[in-house]
Amino acid sequence: MEITKNSIVELTKIRDLKASFDKSMKILESHIAESITNKDKLESIQKDLKEANEKFLEAEKCLEDLKVDLENPSVK
């Protein structure tokens, strides 16, 4: 009788441990998926910022050229 009770208790502990492990694995999988999504978003933002910076530098160069043209008008 004692062996059966101990077996049932141990089996219950094992089931609880498995349930806890499964729950932890689901949380881990969720965090990994979220990290991958965040990485993709960061890469996209980084690309957008690079493009915006290139456009800003181009606009800045155009403004400098315009400033030079305005400071040194040439008669045509």
PDB file of N, CA and C in Angstrom:
ATOM      1  N   MET A   1       0.825  -1.195   0.000  1.00  0.00           N
ATOM      2  CA  MET A   1       0.000   0.000   0.000  1.00  0.00           C
ATOM      3  C   MET A   1       0.867   1.256   0.000  1.00  0.00           C
ATOM      4  N   GLU A   2       1.915   1.245   0.808  1.00  0.00           N
ATOM      5  CA  GLU A   2       2.808   2.392   0.914  1.00  0.00           C
ATOM      6  C   GLU A   2       3.510   2.650  -0.418  1.00  0.00           C
ATOM      7  N   ILE A   3       3.887   1.614  -1.108  1.00  0.00           N
ATOM      8  CA  ILE A   3       4.569   1.759  -2.402  1.00  0.00           C
ATOM      9  C   ILE A   3       3.637   2.419  -3.414  1.00  0.00           C
ATOM     10  N   THR A   4       2.411   2.041  -3.416  1.00  0.00           N
ATOM     11  CA  THR A   4       1.439   2.613  -4.344  1.00  0.00           C
ATOM     12  C   THR A   4       1.231   4.104  -4.067  1.00  0.00           C
ATOM     13  N   LYS A   5       1.119   4.487  -2.789  1.00  0.00           N
ATOM     14  CA  LYS A   5       0.953   5.902  -2.438  1.00  0.00           C
ATOM     15  C   LYS A   5       2.182   6.702  -2.869  1.00  0.00           C
ATOM     16  N   ASN A   6       3.358   6.150  -2.614  1.00  0.00           N
ATOM     17  CA  ASN A   6       4.593   6.835  -3.008  1.00  0.00           C
ATOM     18  C   ASN A   6       4.676   6.962  -4.529  1.00  0.00           C
ATOM     19  N   SER A   7       4.269   5.938  -5.223  1.00  0.00           N
ATOM     20  CA  SER A   7       4.288   5.961  -6.685  1.00  0.00           C
ATOM     21  C   SER A   7       3.333   7.026  -7.216  1.00  0.00           C
ATOM     22  N   ILE A   8       2.166   7.110  -6.616  1.00  0.00           N
ATOM     23  CA  ILE A   8       1.185   8.107  -7.038  1.00  0.00           C
ATOM     24  C   ILE A   8       1.714   9.516  -6.771  1.00  0.00           C
ATOM     25  N   VAL A   9       2.320   9.722  -5.604  1.00  0.00           N
ATOM     26  CA  VAL A   9       2.884  11.026  -5.253  1.00  0.00           C
ATOM     27  C   VAL A   9       4.006  11.381  -6.232  1.00  0.00           C
ATOM     28  N   GLU A  10       4.880  10.438  -6.514  1.00  0.00           N
ATOM     29  CA  GLU A  10       5.989  10.677  -7.439  1.00  0.00           C
ATOM     30  C   GLU A  10       5.465  10.956  -8.847  1.00  0.00           C
ATOM     31  N   LEU A  11       4.469  10.215  -9.261  1.00  0.00           N
ATOM     32  CA  LEU A  11       3.874  10.427 -10.582  1.00  0.00           C
ATOM     33  C   LEU A  11       3.242  11.814 -10.667  1.00  0.00           C
ATOM     34  N   THR A  12       2.581  12.223  -9.606  1.00  0.00           N
ATOM     35  CA  THR A  12       1.991  13.560  -9.553  1.00  0.00           C
ATOM     36  C   THR A  12       3.081  14.630  -9.640  1.00  0.00           C
ATOM     37  N   LYS A  13       4.176  14.419  -8.923  1.00  0.00           N
ATOM     38  CA  LYS A  13       5.294  15.369  -8.965  1.00  0.00           C
ATOM     39  C   LYS A  13       5.878  15.456 -10.373  1.00  0.00           C
ATOM     40  N   ILE A  14       6.004  14.308 -11.005  1.00  0.00           N
ATOM     41  CA  ILE A  14       6.547  14.274 -12.370  1.00  0.00           C
ATOM     42  C   ILE A  14       5.612  15.002 -13.328  1.00  0.00           C
ATOM     43  N   ARG A  15       4.322  14.781 -13.196  1.00  0.00           N
ATOM     44  CA  ARG A  15       3.354  15.469 -14.062  1.00  0.00           C
ATOM     45  C   ARG A  15       3.400  16.984 -13.841  1.00  0.00           C
ATOM     46  N   ASP A  16       3.482  17.390 -12.571  1.00  0.00           N
ATOM     47  CA  ASP A  16       3.574  18.823 -12.265  1.00  0.00           C
ATOM     48  C   ASP A  16       4.858  19.423 -12.838  1.00  0.00           C
ATOM     49  N   LEU A  17       5.930  18.689 -12.719  1.00  0.00           N
ATOM     50  CA  LEU A  17       7.214  19.145 -13.245  1.00  0.00           C
ATOM     51  C   LEU A  17       7.150  19.278 -14.768  1.00  0.00           C
ATOM     52  N   LYS A  18       6.532  18.298 -15.421  1.00  0.00           N
ATOM     53  CA  LYS A  18       6.381  18.341 -16.872  1.00  0.00           C
ATOM     54  C   LYS A  18       5.511  19.527 -17.288  1.00  0.00           C
ATOM     55  N   ALA A  19       4.425  19.760 -16.589  1.00  0.00           N
ATOM     56  CA  ALA A  19       3.549  20.889 -16.897  1.00  0.00           C
ATOM     57  C   ALA A  19       4.303  22.207 -16.728  1.00  0.00           C
ATOM     58  N   SER A  20       5.084  22.301 -15.665  1.00  0.00           N
ATOM     59  CA  SER A  20       5.877  23.506 -15.424  1.00  0.00           C
ATOM     60  C   SER A  20       6.920  23.693 -16.532  1.00  0.00           C
ATOM     61  N   PHE A  21       7.562  22.600 -16.930  1.00  0.00           N
ATOM     62  CA  PHE A  21       8.555  22.649 -17.998  1.00  0.00           C
ATOM     63  C   PHE A  21       7.894  23.091 -19.310  1.00  0.00           C
ATOM     64  N   ASP A  22       6.753  22.515 -19.630  1.00  0.00           N
ATOM     65  CA  ASP A  22       6.034  22.874 -20.861  1.00  0.00           C
ATOM     66  C   ASP A  22       5.664  24.353 -20.872  1.00  0.00           C
ATOM     67  N   LYS A  23       5.208  24.840 -19.736  1.00  0.00           N
ATOM     68  CA  LYS A  23       4.852  26.251 -19.626  1.00  0.00           C
ATOM     69  C   LYS A  23       6.089  27.129 -19.837  1.00  0.00           C
ATOM     70  N   SER A  24       7.194  26.743 -19.235  1.00  0.00           N
ATOM     71  CA  SER A  24       8.445  27.497 -19.399  1.00  0.00           C
ATOM     72  C   SER A  24       8.905  27.490 -20.851  1.00  0.00           C
ATOM     73  N   MET A  25       8.760  26.364 -21.521  1.00  0.00           N
ATOM     74  CA  MET A  25       9.154  26.261 -22.928  1.00  0.00           C
ATOM     75  C   MET A  25       8.292  27.161 -23.805  1.00  0.00           C
ATOM     76  N   LYS A  26       6.991  27.216 -23.523  1.00  0.00           N
ATOM     77  CA  LYS A  26       6.108  28.094 -24.299  1.00  0.00           C
ATOM     78  C   LYS A  26       6.497  29.560 -24.104  1.00  0.00           C
ATOM     79  N   ILE A  27       6.811  29.925 -22.885  1.00  0.00           N
ATOM     80  CA  ILE A  27       7.243  31.301 -22.597  1.00  0.00           C
ATOM     81  C   ILE A  27       8.552  31.597 -23.337  1.00  0.00           C
ATOM     82  N   LEU A  28       9.487  30.651 -23.284  1.00  0.00           N
ATOM     83  CA  LEU A  28      10.767  30.823 -23.974  1.00  0.00           C
ATOM     84  C   LEU A  28      10.566  30.965 -25.474  1.00  0.00           C
ATOM     85  N   GLU A  29       9.738  30.119 -26.057  1.00  0.00           N
ATOM     86  CA  GLU A  29       9.443  30.202 -27.492  1.00  0.00           C
ATOM     87  C   GLU A  29       8.831  31.559 -27.839  1.00  0.00           C
ATOM     88  N   SER A  30       7.938  32.029 -26.993  1.00  0.00           N
ATOM     89  CA  SER A  30       7.307  33.329 -27.220  1.00  0.00           C
ATOM     90  C   SER A  30       8.349  34.448 -27.185  1.00  0.00           C
ATOM     91  N   HIS A  31       9.256  34.384 -26.225  1.00  0.00           N
ATOM     92  CA  HIS A  31      10.293  35.411 -26.102  1.00  0.00           C
ATOM     93  C   HIS A  31      11.247  35.364 -27.289  1.00  0.00           C
ATOM     94  N   ILE A  32      11.566  34.173 -27.753  1.00  0.00           N
ATOM     95  CA  ILE A  32      12.444  34.045 -28.921  1.00  0.00           C
ATOM     96  C   ILE A  32      11.771  34.647 -30.152  1.00  0.00           C
ATOM     97  N   ALA A  33      10.496  34.318 -30.346  1.00  0.00           N
ATOM     98  CA  ALA A  33       9.754  34.871 -31.488  1.00  0.00           C
ATOM     99  C   ALA A  33       9.692  36.390 -31.405  1.00  0.00           C
ATOM    100  N   GLU A  34       9.462  36.914 -30.217  1.00  0.00           N
ATOM    101  CA  GLU A  34       9.404  38.362 -30.020  1.00  0.00           C
ATOM    102  C   GLU A  34      10.762  38.999 -30.314  1.00  0.00           C
ATOM    103  N   SER A  35      11.837  38.337 -29.899  1.00  0.00           N
ATOM    104  CA  SER A  35      13.183  38.857 -30.154  1.00  0.00           C
ATOM    105  C   SER A  35      13.480  38.903 -31.647  1.00  0.00           C
ATOM    106  N   ILE A  36      13.062  37.867 -32.365  1.00  0.00           N
ATOM    107  CA  ILE A  36      13.279  37.838 -33.815  1.00  0.00           C
ATOM    108  C   ILE A  36      12.499  38.966 -34.480  1.00  0.00           C
ATOM    109  N   THR A  37      11.256  39.153 -34.053  1.00  0.00           N
ATOM    110  CA  THR A  37      10.425  40.227 -34.606  1.00  0.00           C
ATOM    111  C   THR A  37      11.054  41.583 -34.313  1.00  0.00           C
ATOM    112  N   ASN A  38      11.520  41.772 -33.085  1.00  0.00           N
ATOM    113  CA  ASN A  38      12.146  43.044 -32.710  1.00  0.00           C
ATOM    114  C   ASN A  38      13.414  43.289 -33.521  1.00  0.00           C
ATOM    115  N   LYS A  39      14.189  42.228 -33.754  1.00  0.00           N
ATOM    116  CA  LYS A  39      15.413  42.360 -34.544  1.00  0.00           C
ATOM    117  C   LYS A  39      15.061  42.802 -35.958  1.00  0.00           C
ATOM    118  N   ASP A  40      14.034  42.198 -36.549  1.00  0.00           N
ATOM    119  CA  ASP A  40      13.604  42.575 -37.894  1.00  0.00           C
ATOM    120  C   ASP A  40      13.154  44.035 -37.933  1.00  0.00           C
ATOM    121  N   LYS A  41      12.403  44.440 -36.912  1.00  0.00           N
ATOM    122  CA  LYS A  41      11.939  45.830 -36.852  1.00  0.00           C
ATOM    123  C   LYS A  41      13.118  46.792 -36.722  1.00  0.00           C
ATOM    124  N   LEU A  42      14.094  46.440 -35.885  1.00  0.00           N
ATOM    125  CA  LEU A  42      15.270  47.292 -35.715  1.00  0.00           C
ATOM    126  C   LEU A  42      16.064  47.415 -37.004  1.00  0.00           C
ATOM    127  N   GLU A  43      16.199  46.310 -37.732  1.00  0.00           N
ATOM    128  CA  GLU A  43      16.913  46.350 -39.008  1.00  0.00           C
ATOM    129  C   GLU A  43      16.179  47.248 -40.003  1.00  0.00           C
ATOM    130  N   SER A  44      14.865  47.172 -40.010  1.00  0.00           N
ATOM    131  CA  SER A  44      14.068  48.013 -40.905  1.00  0.00           C
ATOM    132  C   SER A  44      14.219  49.490 -40.532  1.00  0.00           C
ATOM    133  N   ILE A  45      14.164  49.784 -39.247  1.00  0.00           N
ATOM    134  CA  ILE A  45      14.334  51.167 -38.775  1.00  0.00           C
ATOM    135  C   ILE A  45      15.724  51.677 -39.133  1.00  0.00           C
ATOM    136  N   GLN A  46      16.737  50.818 -38.948  1.00  0.00           N
ATOM    137  CA  GLN A  46      18.107  51.203 -39.262  1.00  0.00           C
ATOM    138  C   GLN A  46      18.243  51.524 -40.756  1.00  0.00           C
ATOM    139  N   LYS A  47      17.636  50.714 -41.602  1.00  0.00           N
ATOM    140  CA  LYS A  47      17.661  50.956 -43.050  1.00  0.00           C
ATOM    141  C   LYS A  47      16.976  52.286 -43.381  1.00  0.00           C
ATOM    142  N   ASP A  48      15.805  52.515 -42.776  1.00  0.00           N
ATOM    143  CA  ASP A  48      15.073  53.765 -43.009  1.00  0.00           C
ATOM    144  C   ASP A  48      15.883  54.980 -42.560  1.00  0.00           C
ATOM    145  N   LEU A  49      16.551  54.860 -41.416  1.00  0.00           N
ATOM    146  CA  LEU A  49      17.364  55.973 -40.921  1.00  0.00           C
ATOM    147  C   LEU A  49      18.547  56.248 -41.839  1.00  0.00           C
ATOM    148  N   LYS A  50      19.147  55.199 -42.372  1.00  0.00           N
ATOM    149  CA  LYS A  50      20.258  55.367 -43.307  1.00  0.00           C
ATOM    150  C   LYS A  50      19.796  56.108 -44.559  1.00  0.00           C
ATOM    151  N   GLU A  51      18.648  55.693 -45.095  1.00  0.00           N
ATOM    152  CA  GLU A  51      18.097  56.351 -46.285  1.00  0.00           C
ATOM    153  C   GLU A  51      17.761  57.808 -45.990  1.00  0.00           C
ATOM    154  N   ALA A  52      17.155  58.058 -44.842  1.00  0.00           N
ATOM    155  CA  ALA A  52      16.808  59.430 -44.463  1.00  0.00           C
ATOM    156  C   ALA A  52      18.066  60.278 -44.312  1.00  0.00           C
ATOM    157  N   ASN A  53      19.111  59.703 -43.740  1.00  0.00           N
ATOM    158  CA  ASN A  53      20.365  60.433 -43.567  1.00  0.00           C
ATOM    159  C   ASN A  53      20.980  60.780 -44.924  1.00  0.00           C
ATOM    160  N   GLU A  54      20.949  59.833 -45.872  1.00  0.00           N
ATOM    161  CA  GLU A  54      21.476  60.095 -47.210  1.00  0.00           C
ATOM    162  C   GLU A  54      20.700  61.233 -47.883  1.00  0.00           C
ATOM    163  N   LYS A  55      19.379  61.213 -47.749  1.00  0.00           N
ATOM    164  CA  LYS A  55      18.551  62.267 -48.339  1.00  0.00           C
ATOM    165  C   LYS A  55      18.829  63.614 -47.665  1.00  0.00           C
ATOM    166  N   PHE A  56      19.023  63.575 -46.350  1.00  0.00           N
ATOM    167  CA  PHE A  56      19.323  64.807 -45.622  1.00  0.00           C
ATOM    168  C   PHE A  56      20.659  65.384 -46.091  1.00  0.00           C
ATOM    169  N   LEU A  57      21.664  64.521 -46.243  1.00  0.00           N
ATOM    170  CA  LEU A  57      22.976  64.997 -46.698  1.00  0.00           C
ATOM    171  C   LEU A  57      22.892  65.576 -48.108  1.00  0.00           C
ATOM    172  N   GLU A  58      22.091  64.929 -48.953  1.00  0.00           N
ATOM    173  CA  GLU A  58      21.895  65.442 -50.311  1.00  0.00           C
ATOM    174  C   GLU A  58      21.202  66.811 -50.275  1.00  0.00           C
ATOM    175  N   ALA A  59      20.183  66.951 -49.443  1.00  0.00           N
ATOM    176  CA  ALA A  59      19.481  68.230 -49.314  1.00  0.00           C
ATOM    177  C   ALA A  59      20.413  69.297 -48.754  1.00  0.00           C
ATOM    178  N   GLU A  60      21.237  68.917 -47.797  1.00  0.00           N
ATOM    179  CA  GLU A  60      22.187  69.860 -47.211  1.00  0.00           C
ATOM    180  C   GLU A  60      23.180  70.355 -48.271  1.00  0.00           C
ATOM    181  N   LYS A  61      23.646  69.442 -49.129  1.00  0.00           N
ATOM    182  CA  LYS A  61      24.568  69.820 -50.205  1.00  0.00           C
ATOM    183  C   LYS A  61      23.882  70.775 -51.181  1.00  0.00           C
ATOM    184  N   CYS A  62      22.634  70.481 -51.528  1.00  0.00           N
ATOM    185  CA  CYS A  62      21.881  71.366 -52.432  1.00  0.00           C
ATOM    186  C   CYS A  62      21.726  72.753 -51.826  1.00  0.00           C
ATOM    187  N   LEU A  63      21.445  72.822 -50.541  1.00  0.00           N
ATOM    188  CA  LEU A  63      21.306  74.122 -49.870  1.00  0.00           C
ATOM    189  C   LEU A  63      22.624  74.882 -49.860  1.00  0.00           C
ATOM    190  N   GLU A  64      23.732  74.171 -49.645  1.00  0.00           N
ATOM    191  CA  GLU A  64      25.047  74.814 -49.680  1.00  0.00           C
ATOM    192  C   GLU A  64      25.329  75.369 -51.068  1.00  0.00           C
ATOM    193  N   ASP A  65      25.009  74.576 -52.104  1.00  0.00           N
ATOM    194  CA  ASP A  65      25.201  75.044 -53.478  1.00  0.00           C
ATOM    195  C   ASP A  65      24.343  76.271 -53.757  1.00  0.00           C
ATOM    196  N   LEU A  66      23.109  76.254 -53.299  1.00  0.00           N
ATOM    197  CA  LEU A  66      22.214  77.392 -53.481  1.00  0.00           C
ATOM    198  C   LEU A  66      22.745  78.621 -52.757  1.00  0.00           C
ATOM    199  N   LYS A  67      23.276  78.419 -51.571  1.00  0.00           N
ATOM    200  CA  LYS A  67      23.841  79.521 -50.793  1.00  0.00           C
ATOM    201  C   LYS A  67      25.017  80.145 -51.545  1.00  0.00           C
ATOM    202  N   VAL A  68      25.867  79.285 -52.100  1.00  0.00           N
ATOM    203  CA  VAL A  68      27.011  79.784 -52.863  1.00  0.00           C
ATOM    204  C   VAL A  68      26.523  80.558 -54.085  1.00  0.00           C
ATOM    205  N   ASP A  69      25.519  80.008 -54.782  1.00  0.00           N
ATOM    206  CA  ASP A  69      24.966  80.684 -55.950  1.00  0.00           C
ATOM    207  C   ASP A  69      24.376  82.049 -55.575  1.00  0.00           C
ATOM    208  N   LEU A  70      23.704  82.142 -54.457  1.00  0.00           N
ATOM    209  CA  LEU A  70      23.106  83.394 -54.027  1.00  0.00           C
ATOM    210  C   LEU A  70      24.152  84.412 -53.591  1.00  0.00           C
ATOM    211  N   GLU A  71      25.242  83.925 -53.009  1.00  0.00           N
ATOM    212  CA  GLU A  71      26.306  84.830 -52.548  1.00  0.00           C
ATOM    213  C   GLU A  71      27.160  85.319 -53.703  1.00  0.00           C
ATOM    214  N   ASN A  72      27.225  84.541 -54.771  1.00  0.00           N
ATOM    215  CA  ASN A  72      28.061  84.902 -55.929  1.00  0.00           C
ATOM    216  C   ASN A  72      27.209  84.850 -57.203  1.00  0.00           C
ATOM    217  N   PRO A  73      26.314  85.811 -57.351  1.00  0.00           N
ATOM    218  CA  PRO A  73      25.487  85.774 -58.564  1.00  0.00           C
ATOM    219  C   PRO A  73      26.323  86.077 -59.801  1.00  0.00           C
ATOM    220  N   SER A  74      26.086  85.348 -60.817  1.00  0.00           N
ATOM    221  CA  SER A  74      26.776  85.595 -62.074  1.00  0.00           C
ATOM    222  C   SER A  74      25.790  86.123 -63.088  1.00  0.00           C
ATOM    223  N   VAL A  75      26.218  87.088 -63.862  1.00  0.00           N
ATOM    224  CA  VAL A  75      25.357  87.704 -64.860  1.00  0.00           C
ATOM    225  C   VAL A  75      25.386  86.827 -66.108  1.00  0.00           C
ATOM    226  N   LYS A  76      24.224  86.497 -66.565  1.00  0.00           N
ATOM    227  CA  LYS A  76      24.148  85.644 -67.757  1.00  0.00           C
ATOM    228  C   LYS A  76      23.605  86.403 -68.914  1.00  0.00           C
TER     229      LYS A  76
END
